[in-house]
Amino acid sequence: MGEVKSVTDADFDSAINADEWVLVDFWAPWCGPCKALGPVLEQVAAEMPVTIAKVNTDSDSMNAAKLGVRGIPALFLFHNGKMVDSKVGMVPKTDLLRWIDGHITA
């Protein structure tokens, strides 16, 4: 269904506008909860019509700053380039699927 891809500050705007639904994951390699969320996001991409755009805040922090990210992991759901909702912290897979589905089917 969806896919998981790495996104930088340079291609962030095109990434959120390229697909109908995009879930941006702001993360860092040293972040334990971010590492735990990674496999969950892979599963979500396989089950939902959403692209997962992973942004490493250690190397690409400009858009995280623009969106006011203060803690990671930080998830931002975009639809056609517009931010629809956000969550911060580790989210269990069932809650994440329900959250995304609630917006996609609304």
Protein backbone atom coordinates (compact mmCIF):
# COMPACT_ATOMS: atom_id res chain seq x y z
CA MET A 1 0.00 0.00 0.00
CA GLY A 2 2.21 2.80 1.27
CA GLU A 3 5.97 3.13 1.47
CA VAL A 4 8.67 4.30 3.87
CA LYS A 5 11.26 6.78 2.65
CA SER A 6 13.94 9.03 4.08
CA VAL A 7 13.33 12.73 3.61
CA THR A 8 15.71 15.67 4.03
CA ASP A 9 15.04 19.36 4.56
CA ALA A 10 15.69 19.88 0.84
CA ASP A 11 12.96 17.50 -0.35
CA PHE A 12 10.50 17.90 2.55
CA ASP A 13 8.01 20.13 0.69
CA SER A 14 7.87 17.87 -2.35
CA ALA A 15 7.53 14.80 -0.11
CA ILE A 16 4.47 16.10 1.76
CA ASN A 17 2.84 17.30 -1.46
CA ALA A 18 3.68 14.23 -3.57
CA ASP A 19 1.16 11.79 -2.11
CA GLU A 20 -2.37 12.19 -0.89
CA TRP A 21 -1.58 11.00 2.68
CA VAL A 22 1.89 11.38 4.21
CA LEU A 23 2.89 10.61 7.79
CA VAL A 24 6.10 12.45 8.68
CA ASP A 25 8.18 10.85 11.43
CA PHE A 26 10.73 13.20 13.01
CA TRP A 27 13.30 10.94 14.70
CA ALA A 28 16.97 10.63 15.66
CA PRO A 29 19.36 7.64 15.76
CA TRP A 30 20.03 8.04 19.50
CA CYS A 31 16.31 8.06 20.43
CA GLY A 32 15.12 4.76 21.96
CA PRO A 33 11.39 5.32 21.38
CA CYS A 34 12.18 6.34 17.78
CA LYS A 35 13.98 3.04 17.22
CA ALA A 36 11.01 1.15 18.68
CA LEU A 37 8.57 3.04 16.47
CA GLY A 38 10.50 2.30 13.25
CA PRO A 39 9.24 -1.28 12.73
CA VAL A 40 5.70 -0.18 13.65
CA LEU A 41 5.79 2.45 10.92
CA GLU A 42 7.03 -0.17 8.41
CA GLN A 43 3.96 -2.28 9.27
CA VAL A 44 1.63 0.73 9.03
CA ALA A 45 2.98 1.54 5.55
CA ALA A 46 2.27 -2.05 4.49
CA GLU A 47 -1.32 -1.89 5.78
CA MET A 48 -2.47 1.69 5.09
CA PRO A 49 -2.53 3.93 2.00
CA VAL A 50 -0.02 6.34 3.54
CA THR A 51 3.59 7.21 2.79
CA ILE A 52 5.88 7.33 5.83
CA ALA A 53 8.43 10.14 5.44
CA LYS A 54 11.24 9.72 7.98
CA VAL A 55 13.19 12.89 8.83
CA ASN A 56 16.39 12.51 10.89
CA THR A 57 16.39 15.60 13.12
CA ASP A 58 20.14 15.29 13.75
CA SER A 59 20.94 16.03 10.11
CA ASP A 60 17.73 17.76 8.94
CA SER A 61 16.12 19.91 11.62
CA MET A 62 14.80 22.92 9.69
CA ASN A 63 11.25 21.58 9.13
CA ALA A 64 11.08 20.13 12.63
CA ALA A 65 11.81 23.63 13.94
CA LYS A 66 9.21 25.18 11.61
CA LEU A 67 6.58 22.75 12.94
CA GLY A 68 7.56 23.39 16.56
CA VAL A 69 8.86 19.89 17.32
CA ARG A 70 10.11 19.82 20.90
CA GLY A 71 10.22 16.06 21.49
CA ILE A 72 10.73 12.99 19.34
CA PRO A 73 9.42 10.82 17.93
CA ALA A 74 7.00 13.38 16.53
CA LEU A 75 4.43 12.32 13.95
CA PHE A 76 2.68 14.74 11.60
CA LEU A 77 -0.08 13.59 9.27
CA PHE A 78 -0.38 15.55 6.01
CA HIS A 79 -3.08 15.40 3.35
CA ASN A 80 -2.33 17.05 0.01
CA GLY A 81 0.40 19.17 1.63
CA LYS A 82 -1.67 20.38 4.60
CA MET A 83 -0.99 19.28 8.16
CA VAL A 84 -4.05 17.47 9.51
CA ASP A 85 -2.92 16.25 12.95
CA SER A 86 0.13 15.38 15.04
CA LYS A 87 1.25 13.12 17.88
CA VAL A 88 4.38 13.05 20.00
CA GLY A 89 5.96 10.00 21.57
CA MET A 90 5.78 6.26 21.08
CA VAL A 91 2.37 5.21 19.78
CA PRO A 92 1.21 1.56 19.83
CA LYS A 93 0.44 0.15 16.39
CA THR A 94 -3.31 -0.28 17.06
CA ASP A 95 -3.61 3.34 18.21
CA LEU A 96 -1.60 4.56 15.23
CA LEU A 97 -3.76 2.63 12.75
CA ARG A 98 -6.94 3.93 14.39
CA TRP A 99 -5.60 7.51 14.38
CA ILE A 100 -4.66 7.42 10.68
CA ASP A 101 -7.83 5.58 9.65
CA GLY A 102 -9.93 8.14 11.53
CA HIS A 103 -8.55 10.89 9.31
CA ILE A 104 -8.48 8.96 6.03
CA THR A 105 -12.10 7.84 6.33
CA ALA A 106 -13.41 11.13 7.76
